Structure formats: C-alpha cells, structure tokens
PDB file of N, CA and C in Angstrom:
ATOM      1  N   MET A   1     -13.009 -16.011  21.377  1.00  0.00           N
ATOM      2  CA  MET A   1     -14.181 -15.991  22.235  1.00  0.00           C
ATOM      3  C   MET A   1     -13.719 -16.099  23.683  1.00  0.00           C
ATOM      4  N   THR A   2     -14.198 -15.210  24.506  1.00  0.00           N
ATOM      5  CA  THR A   2     -13.851 -15.261  25.919  1.00  0.00           C
ATOM      6  C   THR A   2     -14.923 -16.044  26.673  1.00  0.00           C
ATOM      7  N   ASN A   3     -14.492 -16.685  27.721  1.00  0.00           N
ATOM      8  CA  ASN A   3     -15.400 -17.482  28.532  1.00  0.00           C
ATOM      9  C   ASN A   3     -15.994 -16.591  29.628  1.00  0.00           C
ATOM     10  N   PRO A   4     -17.303 -16.327  29.583  1.00  0.00           N
ATOM     11  CA  PRO A   4     -17.909 -15.450  30.592  1.00  0.00           C
ATOM     12  C   PRO A   4     -17.907 -16.046  32.001  1.00  0.00           C
ATOM     13  N   LEU A   5     -17.608 -17.337  32.121  1.00  0.00           N
ATOM     14  CA  LEU A   5     -17.591 -17.985  33.432  1.00  0.00           C
ATOM     15  C   LEU A   5     -16.174 -18.145  33.981  1.00  0.00           C
ATOM     16  N   ALA A   6     -15.179 -17.746  33.199  1.00  0.00           N
ATOM     17  CA  ALA A   6     -13.783 -17.893  33.631  1.00  0.00           C
ATOM     18  C   ALA A   6     -13.535 -17.050  34.876  1.00  0.00           C
ATOM     19  N   GLY A   7     -12.845 -17.635  35.810  1.00  0.00           N
ATOM     20  CA  GLY A   7     -12.484 -16.918  37.024  1.00  0.00           C
ATOM     21  C   GLY A   7     -13.533 -16.929  38.111  1.00  0.00           C
ATOM     22  N   ILE A   8     -14.707 -17.421  37.827  1.00  0.00           N
ATOM     23  CA  ILE A   8     -15.759 -17.487  38.848  1.00  0.00           C
ATOM     24  C   ILE A   8     -15.557 -18.777  39.632  1.00  0.00           C
ATOM     25  N   THR A   9     -15.454 -18.651  40.924  1.00  0.00           N
ATOM     26  CA  THR A   9     -15.256 -19.829  41.761  1.00  0.00           C
ATOM     27  C   THR A   9     -16.502 -20.112  42.587  1.00  0.00           C
ATOM     28  N   VAL A  10     -16.630 -21.361  42.930  1.00  0.00           N
ATOM     29  CA  VAL A  10     -17.750 -21.820  43.749  1.00  0.00           C
ATOM     30  C   VAL A  10     -17.156 -22.295  45.068  1.00  0.00           C
ATOM     31  N   SER A  11     -17.570 -21.683  46.167  1.00  0.00           N
ATOM     32  CA  SER A  11     -16.965 -22.024  47.456  1.00  0.00           C
ATOM     33  C   SER A  11     -17.430 -23.381  47.982  1.00  0.00           C
ATOM     34  N   GLU A  12     -18.654 -23.732  47.695  1.00  0.00           N
ATOM     35  CA  GLU A  12     -19.190 -25.017  48.152  1.00  0.00           C
ATOM     36  C   GLU A  12     -19.400 -25.937  46.959  1.00  0.00           C
ATOM     37  N   LYS A  13     -18.553 -26.939  46.832  1.00  0.00           N
ATOM     38  CA  LYS A  13     -18.725 -27.898  45.743  1.00  0.00           C
ATOM     39  C   LYS A  13     -19.902 -28.816  46.057  1.00  0.00           C
ATOM     40  N   PHE A  14     -20.526 -29.301  45.005  1.00  0.00           N
ATOM     41  CA  PHE A  14     -21.720 -30.139  45.137  1.00  0.00           C
ATOM     42  C   PHE A  14     -21.384 -31.480  45.768  1.00  0.00           C
ATOM     43  N   THR A  15     -22.123 -31.808  46.818  1.00  0.00           N
ATOM     44  CA  THR A  15     -22.040 -33.117  47.458  1.00  0.00           C
ATOM     45  C   THR A  15     -23.442 -33.712  47.438  1.00  0.00           C
ATOM     46  N   ARG A  16     -23.580 -34.860  47.990  1.00  0.00           N
ATOM     47  CA  ARG A  16     -24.896 -35.492  48.022  1.00  0.00           C
ATOM     48  C   ARG A  16     -25.829 -34.834  49.047  1.00  0.00           C
ATOM     49  N   ALA A  17     -25.286 -33.888  49.840  1.00  0.00           N
ATOM     50  CA  ALA A  17     -26.080 -33.305  50.917  1.00  0.00           C
ATOM     51  C   ALA A  17     -26.313 -31.798  50.795  1.00  0.00           C
ATOM     52  N   ASN A  18     -25.815 -31.134  49.759  1.00  0.00           N
ATOM     53  CA  ASN A  18     -25.926 -29.673  49.732  1.00  0.00           C
ATOM     54  C   ASN A  18     -26.450 -29.118  48.400  1.00  0.00           C
ATOM     55  N   HIS A  19     -27.359 -29.803  47.784  1.00  0.00           N
ATOM     56  CA  HIS A  19     -27.836 -29.402  46.458  1.00  0.00           C
ATOM     57  C   HIS A  19     -28.330 -27.963  46.402  1.00  0.00           C
ATOM     58  N   LEU A  20     -29.171 -27.547  47.323  1.00  0.00           N
ATOM     59  CA  LEU A  20     -29.732 -26.192  47.276  1.00  0.00           C
ATOM     60  C   LEU A  20     -28.660 -25.122  47.458  1.00  0.00           C
ATOM     61  N   LEU A  21     -27.722 -25.345  48.374  1.00  0.00           N
ATOM     62  CA  LEU A  21     -26.633 -24.396  48.579  1.00  0.00           C
ATOM     63  C   LEU A  21     -25.777 -24.294  47.314  1.00  0.00           C
ATOM     64  N   TRP A  22     -25.418 -25.428  46.745  1.00  0.00           N
ATOM     65  CA  TRP A  22     -24.619 -25.464  45.512  1.00  0.00           C
ATOM     66  C   TRP A  22     -25.358 -24.773  44.371  1.00  0.00           C
ATOM     67  N   GLN A  23     -26.617 -25.098  44.188  1.00  0.00           N
ATOM     68  CA  GLN A  23     -27.405 -24.515  43.102  1.00  0.00           C
ATOM     69  C   GLN A  23     -27.503 -22.995  43.248  1.00  0.00           C
ATOM     70  N   SER A  24     -27.605 -22.514  44.489  1.00  0.00           N
ATOM     71  CA  SER A  24     -27.708 -21.068  44.696  1.00  0.00           C
ATOM     72  C   SER A  24     -26.423 -20.344  44.319  1.00  0.00           C
ATOM     73  N   GLN A  25     -25.305 -21.056  44.251  1.00  0.00           N
ATOM     74  CA  GLN A  25     -24.034 -20.471  43.800  1.00  0.00           C
ATOM     75  C   GLN A  25     -23.833 -20.610  42.300  1.00  0.00           C
ATOM     76  N   ILE A  26     -24.360 -21.657  41.718  1.00  0.00           N
ATOM     77  CA  ILE A  26     -24.147 -21.971  40.303  1.00  0.00           C
ATOM     78  C   ILE A  26     -25.027 -21.125  39.390  1.00  0.00           C
ATOM     79  N   LEU A  27     -26.281 -20.989  39.733  1.00  0.00           N
ATOM     80  CA  LEU A  27     -27.221 -20.346  38.815  1.00  0.00           C
ATOM     81  C   LEU A  27     -26.967 -18.850  38.572  1.00  0.00           C
ATOM     82  N   PRO A  28     -26.642 -18.043  39.578  1.00  0.00           N
ATOM     83  CA  PRO A  28     -26.435 -16.620  39.277  1.00  0.00           C
ATOM     84  C   PRO A  28     -25.366 -16.331  38.212  1.00  0.00           C
ATOM     85  N   PRO A  29     -24.179 -16.930  38.277  1.00  0.00           N
ATOM     86  CA  PRO A  29     -23.216 -16.627  37.207  1.00  0.00           C
ATOM     87  C   PRO A  29     -23.658 -17.156  35.847  1.00  0.00           C
ATOM     88  N   ILE A  30     -24.336 -18.278  35.828  1.00  0.00           N
ATOM     89  CA  ILE A  30     -24.809 -18.819  34.548  1.00  0.00           C
ATOM     90  C   ILE A  30     -25.912 -17.931  33.979  1.00  0.00           C
ATOM     91  N   ARG A  31     -26.813 -17.484  34.828  1.00  0.00           N
ATOM     92  CA  ARG A  31     -27.847 -16.543  34.364  1.00  0.00           C
ATOM     93  C   ARG A  31     -27.215 -15.223  33.923  1.00  0.00           C
ATOM     94  N   GLY A  32     -26.256 -14.735  34.707  1.00  0.00           N
ATOM     95  CA  GLY A  32     -25.594 -13.478  34.388  1.00  0.00           C
ATOM     96  C   GLY A  32     -24.852 -13.522  33.062  1.00  0.00           C
ATOM     97  N   ALA A  33     -24.355 -14.696  32.710  1.00  0.00           N
ATOM     98  CA  ALA A  33     -23.667 -14.869  31.429  1.00  0.00           C
ATOM     99  C   ALA A  33     -24.649 -15.201  30.302  1.00  0.00           C
ATOM    100  N   ARG A  34     -25.930 -15.250  30.636  1.00  0.00           N
ATOM    101  CA  ARG A  34     -26.998 -15.581  29.677  1.00  0.00           C
ATOM    102  C   ARG A  34     -26.797 -16.964  29.045  1.00  0.00           C
ATOM    103  N   LEU A  35     -26.454 -17.913  29.897  1.00  0.00           N
ATOM    104  CA  LEU A  35     -26.181 -19.267  29.415  1.00  0.00           C
ATOM    105  C   LEU A  35     -27.100 -20.317  30.030  1.00  0.00           C
ATOM    106  N   LEU A  36     -28.142 -19.889  30.711  1.00  0.00           N
ATOM    107  CA  LEU A  36     -29.049 -20.837  31.357  1.00  0.00           C
ATOM    108  C   LEU A  36     -29.661 -21.814  30.357  1.00  0.00           C
ATOM    109  N   SER A  37     -29.877 -21.377  29.138  1.00  0.00           N
ATOM    110  CA  SER A  37     -30.500 -22.256  28.135  1.00  0.00           C
ATOM    111  C   SER A  37     -29.637 -23.465  27.805  1.00  0.00           C
ATOM    112  N   PHE A  38     -28.354 -23.430  28.152  1.00  0.00           N
ATOM    113  CA  PHE A  38     -27.501 -24.595  27.937  1.00  0.00           C
ATOM    114  C   PHE A  38     -27.741 -25.653  29.008  1.00  0.00           C
ATOM    115  N   LEU A  39     -28.313 -25.251  30.135  1.00  0.00           N
ATOM    116  CA  LEU A  39     -28.627 -26.221  31.191  1.00  0.00           C
ATOM    117  C   LEU A  39     -29.990 -26.848  30.991  1.00  0.00           C
ATOM    118  N   ASP A  40     -30.950 -26.069  30.536  1.00  0.00           N
ATOM    119  CA  ASP A  40     -32.307 -26.590  30.411  1.00  0.00           C
ATOM    120  C   ASP A  40     -32.624 -27.113  29.009  1.00  0.00           C
ATOM    121  N   SER A  41     -31.598 -27.234  28.184  1.00  0.00           N
ATOM    122  CA  SER A  41     -31.706 -27.789  26.824  1.00  0.00           C
ATOM    123  C   SER A  41     -32.541 -26.937  25.872  1.00  0.00           C
ATOM    124  N   LYS A  42     -32.790 -25.676  26.213  1.00  0.00           N
ATOM    125  CA  LYS A  42     -33.524 -24.818  25.287  1.00  0.00           C
ATOM    126  C   LYS A  42     -32.658 -24.412  24.096  1.00  0.00           C
ATOM    127  N   THR A  43     -31.344 -24.362  24.320  1.00  0.00           N
ATOM    128  CA  THR A  43     -30.419 -24.083  23.231  1.00  0.00           C
ATOM    129  C   THR A  43     -29.933 -25.418  22.695  1.00  0.00           C
ATOM    130  N   LYS A  44     -30.357 -25.744  21.502  1.00  0.00           N
ATOM    131  CA  LYS A  44     -29.991 -27.014  20.867  1.00  0.00           C
ATOM    132  C   LYS A  44     -28.837 -26.784  19.900  1.00  0.00           C
ATOM    133  N   PRO A  45     -28.000 -27.796  19.717  1.00  0.00           N
ATOM    134  CA  PRO A  45     -26.935 -27.636  18.730  1.00  0.00           C
ATOM    135  C   PRO A  45     -27.523 -27.548  17.323  1.00  0.00           C
ATOM    136  N   THR A  46     -26.874 -26.752  16.506  1.00  0.00           N
ATOM    137  CA  THR A  46     -27.273 -26.682  15.108  1.00  0.00           C
ATOM    138  C   THR A  46     -26.677 -27.877  14.383  1.00  0.00           C
ATOM    139  N   SER A  47     -26.974 -27.997  13.128  1.00  0.00           N
ATOM    140  CA  SER A  47     -26.424 -29.085  12.325  1.00  0.00           C
ATOM    141  C   SER A  47     -24.909 -28.951  12.249  1.00  0.00           C
ATOM    142  N   GLU A  48     -24.214 -30.078  12.233  1.00  0.00           N
ATOM    143  CA  GLU A  48     -22.752 -30.057  12.149  1.00  0.00           C
ATOM    144  C   GLU A  48     -22.261 -29.555  10.794  1.00  0.00           C
ATOM    145  N   THR A  49     -23.081 -29.731   9.775  1.00  0.00           N
ATOM    146  CA  THR A  49     -22.690 -29.283   8.437  1.00  0.00           C
ATOM    147  C   THR A  49     -23.791 -28.427   7.831  1.00  0.00           C
ATOM    148  N   ILE A  50     -23.402 -27.638   6.844  1.00  0.00           N
ATOM    149  CA  ILE A  50     -24.354 -26.837   6.087  1.00  0.00           C
ATOM    150  C   ILE A  50     -24.123 -27.113   4.608  1.00  0.00           C
ATOM    151  N   THR A  51     -25.154 -26.920   3.822  1.00  0.00           N
ATOM    152  CA  THR A  51     -25.031 -27.087   2.379  1.00  0.00           C
ATOM    153  C   THR A  51     -24.683 -25.733   1.775  1.00  0.00           C
ATOM    154  N   VAL A  52     -23.621 -25.729   0.992  1.00  0.00           N
ATOM    155  CA  VAL A  52     -23.139 -24.501   0.377  1.00  0.00           C
ATOM    156  C   VAL A  52     -23.184 -24.665  -1.136  1.00  0.00           C
ATOM    157  N   GLU A  53     -23.689 -23.636  -1.803  1.00  0.00           N
ATOM    158  CA  GLU A  53     -23.736 -23.629  -3.272  1.00  0.00           C
ATOM    159  C   GLU A  53     -22.519 -22.879  -3.812  1.00  0.00           C
ATOM    160  N   LYS A  54     -21.735 -23.550  -4.638  1.00  0.00           N
ATOM    161  CA  LYS A  54     -20.594 -22.912  -5.284  1.00  0.00           C
ATOM    162  C   LYS A  54     -20.570 -23.336  -6.743  1.00  0.00           C
ATOM    163  N   ASP A  55     -20.576 -22.357  -7.606  1.00  0.00           N
ATOM    164  CA  ASP A  55     -20.523 -22.623  -9.050  1.00  0.00           C
ATOM    165  C   ASP A  55     -21.612 -23.592  -9.490  1.00  0.00           C
ATOM    166  N   GLY A  56     -22.789 -23.447  -8.905  1.00  0.00           N
ATOM    167  CA  GLY A  56     -23.915 -24.281  -9.281  1.00  0.00           C
ATOM    168  C   GLY A  56     -23.888 -25.676  -8.692  1.00  0.00           C
ATOM    169  N   LYS A  57     -22.927 -25.960  -7.818  1.00  0.00           N
ATOM    170  CA  LYS A  57     -22.835 -27.281  -7.196  1.00  0.00           C
ATOM    171  C   LYS A  57     -23.019 -27.144  -5.695  1.00  0.00           C
ATOM    172  N   SER A  58     -23.706 -28.121  -5.116  1.00  0.00           N
ATOM    173  CA  SER A  58     -23.920 -28.154  -3.674  1.00  0.00           C
ATOM    174  C   SER A  58     -22.839 -28.993  -3.017  1.00  0.00           C
ATOM    175  N   SER A  59     -22.376 -28.523  -1.895  1.00  0.00           N
ATOM    176  CA  SER A  59     -21.431 -29.320  -1.109  1.00  0.00           C
ATOM    177  C   SER A  59     -21.693 -29.074   0.368  1.00  0.00           C
ATOM    178  N   LYS A  60     -21.342 -30.060   1.169  1.00  0.00           N
ATOM    179  CA  LYS A  60     -21.498 -29.939   2.617  1.00  0.00           C
ATOM    180  C   LYS A  60     -20.184 -29.430   3.197  1.00  0.00           C
ATOM    181  N   GLU A  61     -20.322 -28.464   4.117  1.00  0.00           N
ATOM    182  CA  GLU A  61     -19.159 -27.891   4.787  1.00  0.00           C
ATOM    183  C   GLU A  61     -19.448 -27.804   6.278  1.00  0.00           C
ATOM    184  N   PRO A  62     -18.393 -27.741   7.087  1.00  0.00           N
ATOM    185  CA  PRO A  62     -18.617 -27.585   8.525  1.00  0.00           C
ATOM    186  C   PRO A  62     -19.410 -26.314   8.825  1.00  0.00           C
ATOM    187  N   ASN A  63     -20.304 -26.412   9.783  1.00  0.00           N
ATOM    188  CA  ASN A  63     -21.155 -25.293  10.174  1.00  0.00           C
ATOM    189  C   ASN A  63     -20.479 -24.508  11.302  1.00  0.00           C
ATOM    190  N   PRO A  64     -20.077 -23.266  11.054  1.00  0.00           N
ATOM    191  CA  PRO A  64     -19.438 -22.476  12.109  1.00  0.00           C
ATOM    192  C   PRO A  64     -20.345 -22.268  13.324  1.00  0.00           C
ATOM    193  N   ALA A  65     -21.648 -22.233  13.121  1.00  0.00           N
ATOM    194  CA  ALA A  65     -22.582 -22.066  14.242  1.00  0.00           C
ATOM    195  C   ALA A  65     -22.544 -23.283  15.167  1.00  0.00           C
ATOM    196  N   TYR A  66     -22.319 -24.459  14.599  1.00  0.00           N
ATOM    197  CA  TYR A  66     -22.209 -25.667  15.414  1.00  0.00           C
ATOM    198  C   TYR A  66     -20.959 -25.590  16.284  1.00  0.00           C
ATOM    199  N   ASP A  67     -19.847 -25.194  15.689  1.00  0.00           N
ATOM    200  CA  ASP A  67     -18.607 -25.059  16.452  1.00  0.00           C
ATOM    201  C   ASP A  67     -18.773 -24.069  17.600  1.00  0.00           C
ATOM    202  N   ALA A  68     -19.466 -22.969  17.350  1.00  0.00           N
ATOM    203  CA  ALA A  68     -19.700 -21.962  18.392  1.00  0.00           C
ATOM    204  C   ALA A  68     -20.572 -22.532  19.507  1.00  0.00           C
ATOM    205  N   TRP A  69     -21.600 -23.314  19.142  1.00  0.00           N
ATOM    206  CA  TRP A  69     -22.469 -23.928  20.149  1.00  0.00           C
ATOM    207  C   TRP A  69     -21.661 -24.883  21.027  1.00  0.00           C
ATOM    208  N   VAL A  70     -20.853 -25.734  20.392  1.00  0.00           N
ATOM    209  CA  VAL A  70     -20.045 -26.698  21.141  1.00  0.00           C
ATOM    210  C   VAL A  70     -19.097 -25.966  22.092  1.00  0.00           C
ATOM    211  N   ALA A  71     -18.440 -24.925  21.613  1.00  0.00           N
ATOM    212  CA  ALA A  71     -17.499 -24.185  22.453  1.00  0.00           C
ATOM    213  C   ALA A  71     -18.190 -23.602  23.685  1.00  0.00           C
ATOM    214  N   THR A  72     -19.345 -22.994  23.506  1.00  0.00           N
ATOM    215  CA  THR A  72     -20.058 -22.403  24.636  1.00  0.00           C
ATOM    216  C   THR A  72     -20.564 -23.477  25.585  1.00  0.00           C
ATOM    217  N   ASP A  73     -21.112 -24.554  25.038  1.00  0.00           N
ATOM    218  CA  ASP A  73     -21.590 -25.647  25.879  1.00  0.00           C
ATOM    219  C   ASP A  73     -20.450 -26.220  26.713  1.00  0.00           C
ATOM    220  N   GLN A  74     -19.285 -26.375  26.129  1.00  0.00           N
ATOM    221  CA  GLN A  74     -18.158 -26.942  26.849  1.00  0.00           C
ATOM    222  C   GLN A  74     -17.643 -25.992  27.938  1.00  0.00           C
ATOM    223  N   GLN A  75     -17.788 -24.690  27.742  1.00  0.00           N
ATOM    224  CA  GLN A  75     -17.418 -23.733  28.780  1.00  0.00           C
ATOM    225  C   GLN A  75     -18.361 -23.866  29.979  1.00  0.00           C
ATOM    226  N   VAL A  76     -19.641 -24.018  29.710  1.00  0.00           N
ATOM    227  CA  VAL A  76     -20.610 -24.213  30.790  1.00  0.00           C
ATOM    228  C   VAL A  76     -20.352 -25.558  31.469  1.00  0.00           C
ATOM    229  N   LEU A  77     -20.095 -26.590  30.681  1.00  0.00           N
ATOM    230  CA  LEU A  77     -19.801 -27.912  31.237  1.00  0.00           C
ATOM    231  C   LEU A  77     -18.569 -27.860  32.138  1.00  0.00           C
ATOM    232  N   THR A  78     -17.528 -27.194  31.694  1.00  0.00           N
ATOM    233  CA  THR A  78     -16.305 -27.077  32.492  1.00  0.00           C
ATOM    234  C   THR A  78     -16.589 -26.386  33.825  1.00  0.00           C
ATOM    235  N   PHE A  79     -17.404 -25.332  33.781  1.00  0.00           N
ATOM    236  CA  PHE A  79     -17.792 -24.630  35.014  1.00  0.00           C
ATOM    237  C   PHE A  79     -18.523 -25.579  35.964  1.00  0.00           C
ATOM    238  N   LEU A  80     -19.457 -26.344  35.429  1.00  0.00           N
ATOM    239  CA  LEU A  80     -20.196 -27.299  36.272  1.00  0.00           C
ATOM    240  C   LEU A  80     -19.278 -28.357  36.857  1.00  0.00           C
ATOM    241  N   LEU A  81     -18.438 -28.942  36.016  1.00  0.00           N
ATOM    242  CA  LEU A  81     -17.556 -30.014  36.486  1.00  0.00           C
ATOM    243  C   LEU A  81     -16.610 -29.521  37.578  1.00  0.00           C
ATOM    244  N   GLY A  82     -16.176 -28.272  37.457  1.00  0.00           N
ATOM    245  CA  GLY A  82     -15.294 -27.701  38.465  1.00  0.00           C
ATOM    246  C   GLY A  82     -15.968 -27.448  39.791  1.00  0.00           C
ATOM    247  N   SER A  83     -17.283 -27.576  39.838  1.00  0.00           N
ATOM    248  CA  SER A  83     -18.032 -27.325  41.067  1.00  0.00           C
ATOM    249  C   SER A  83     -18.526 -28.614  41.728  1.00  0.00           C
ATOM    250  N   LEU A  84     -18.030 -29.740  41.260  1.00  0.00           N
ATOM    251  CA  LEU A  84     -18.474 -31.027  41.789  1.00  0.00           C
ATOM    252  C   LEU A  84     -17.372 -31.685  42.607  1.00  0.00           C
ATOM    253  N   THR A  85     -17.751 -32.397  43.649  1.00  0.00           N
ATOM    254  CA  THR A  85     -16.784 -33.173  44.413  1.00  0.00           C
ATOM    255  C   THR A  85     -16.467 -34.458  43.645  1.00  0.00           C
ATOM    256  N   PRO A  86     -15.338 -35.094  43.959  1.00  0.00           N
ATOM    257  CA  PRO A  86     -14.971 -36.312  43.232  1.00  0.00           C
ATOM    258  C   PRO A  86     -16.041 -37.406  43.246  1.00  0.00           C
ATOM    259  N   ASP A  87     -16.748 -37.572  44.358  1.00  0.00           N
ATOM    260  CA  ASP A  87     -17.768 -38.628  44.399  1.00  0.00           C
ATOM    261  C   ASP A  87     -18.945 -38.320  43.477  1.00  0.00           C
ATOM    262  N   ILE A  88     -19.212 -37.047  43.204  1.00  0.00           N
ATOM    263  CA  ILE A  88     -20.259 -36.676  42.249  1.00  0.00           C
ATOM    264  C   ILE A  88     -19.708 -36.754  40.825  1.00  0.00           C
ATOM    265  N   LEU A  89     -18.465 -36.358  40.638  1.00  0.00           N
ATOM    266  CA  LEU A  89     -17.845 -36.429  39.303  1.00  0.00           C
ATOM    267  C   LEU A  89     -17.928 -37.843  38.728  1.00  0.00           C
ATOM    268  N   VAL A  90     -17.746 -38.825  39.575  1.00  0.00           N
ATOM    269  CA  VAL A  90     -17.830 -40.216  39.123  1.00  0.00           C
ATOM    270  C   VAL A  90     -19.205 -40.509  38.524  1.00  0.00           C
ATOM    271  N   SER A  91     -20.230 -39.854  39.038  1.00  0.00           N
ATOM    272  CA  SER A  91     -21.593 -40.088  38.559  1.00  0.00           C
ATOM    273  C   SER A  91     -21.863 -39.500  37.183  1.00  0.00           C
ATOM    274  N   VAL A  92     -21.037 -38.549  36.748  1.00  0.00           N
ATOM    275  CA  VAL A  92     -21.302 -37.880  35.471  1.00  0.00           C
ATOM    276  C   VAL A  92     -20.287 -38.240  34.393  1.00  0.00           C
ATOM    277  N   ILE A  93     -19.458 -39.227  34.654  1.00  0.00           N
ATOM    278  CA  ILE A  93     -18.501 -39.684  33.634  1.00  0.00           C
ATOM    279  C   ILE A  93     -19.267 -40.085  32.381  1.00  0.00           C
ATOM    280  N   GLY A  94     -18.801 -39.591  31.265  1.00  0.00           N
ATOM    281  CA  GLY A  94     -19.429 -39.922  29.985  1.00  0.00           C
ATOM    282  C   GLY A  94     -20.484 -38.919  29.542  1.00  0.00           C
ATOM    283  N   MET A  95     -20.924 -38.057  30.421  1.00  0.00           N
ATOM    284  CA  MET A  95     -21.881 -37.013  30.032  1.00  0.00           C
ATOM    285  C   MET A  95     -21.081 -35.880  29.404  1.00  0.00           C
ATOM    286  N   ASP A  96     -21.377 -35.571  28.158  1.00  0.00           N
ATOM    287  CA  ASP A  96     -20.508 -34.634  27.440  1.00  0.00           C
ATOM    288  C   ASP A  96     -21.132 -33.301  27.103  1.00  0.00           C
ATOM    289  N   THR A  97     -22.307 -33.004  27.695  1.00  0.00           N
ATOM    290  CA  THR A  97     -22.903 -31.686  27.511  1.00  0.00           C
ATOM    291  C   THR A  97     -23.286 -31.118  28.875  1.00  0.00           C
ATOM    292  N   ALA A  98     -23.401 -29.801  28.926  1.00  0.00           N
ATOM    293  CA  ALA A  98     -23.802 -29.149  30.178  1.00  0.00           C
ATOM    294  C   ALA A  98     -25.185 -29.621  30.610  1.00  0.00           C
ATOM    295  N   ALA A  99     -26.107 -29.717  29.673  1.00  0.00           N
ATOM    296  CA  ALA A  99     -27.462 -30.176  30.009  1.00  0.00           C
ATOM    297  C   ALA A  99     -27.443 -31.594  30.554  1.00  0.00           C
ATOM    298  N   GLY A 100     -26.594 -32.446  30.011  1.00  0.00           N
ATOM    299  CA  GLY A 100     -26.495 -33.815  30.495  1.00  0.00           C
ATOM    300  C   GLY A 100     -26.041 -33.885  31.933  1.00  0.00           C
ATOM    301  N   VAL A 101     -25.075 -33.064  32.299  1.00  0.00           N
ATOM    302  CA  VAL A 101     -24.587 -33.040  33.663  1.00  0.00           C
ATOM    303  C   VAL A 101     -25.608 -32.386  34.579  1.00  0.00           C
ATOM    304  N   TRP A 102     -26.260 -31.337  34.112  1.00  0.00           N
ATOM    305  CA  TRP A 102     -27.248 -30.641  34.921  1.00  0.00           C
ATOM    306  C   TRP A 102     -28.383 -31.575  35.299  1.00  0.00           C
TER     307      TRP A 102
END
C-alpha cells in the first residue's frame, strides 16, 4: 500500500497563532487523497477480529480490513504530526488516531 500523503510538505507548521493558515495547507492534500473521513471520525475502525467458519467450526481470526484501517489512519496521523511544532506536539502526546489529533 502506498501512502497518498508521502512527500507532501507543509511550509507552515501549526503554532498557537496560525490555525487557519495551517488548516488551509493540511486539508487540500487530505481531501485529494480522499482521507478526510479519518479526521472527522466518519470512517470507523472495523472489528479487530472476524468469525470464520471452517469444517463446521467457528473461530476468530484477525480482520484484514481492520489492519488496512489502522495503516491508513496512521498514515494520516503521521502527516498531521509532521505538520506540528514541538510545543503543539506536546499537547497531542498519547493521541493515537488521526481524528484524536485533529
């Protein structure tokens, strides 16, 4: 899977004084990559496991759709984190999803 946000740079990192300028740089590439739903929480993670029937028996297995969701969310999160100044980064420590940071 390729990261649609790879290589996109933000000239003005987010500070406590430039939210609108920063947002005007962040949203176009995220919209262009069709990933805005990861910021507004419209795209929810699927279940971590799925029930699979084999030989008449049910078993739980990892859900590949969940792994794909996590990978995409983390790509968006990485893009956001790379656009923040250190004083803002301190404010988002522990937030582990793009929507959480947004």
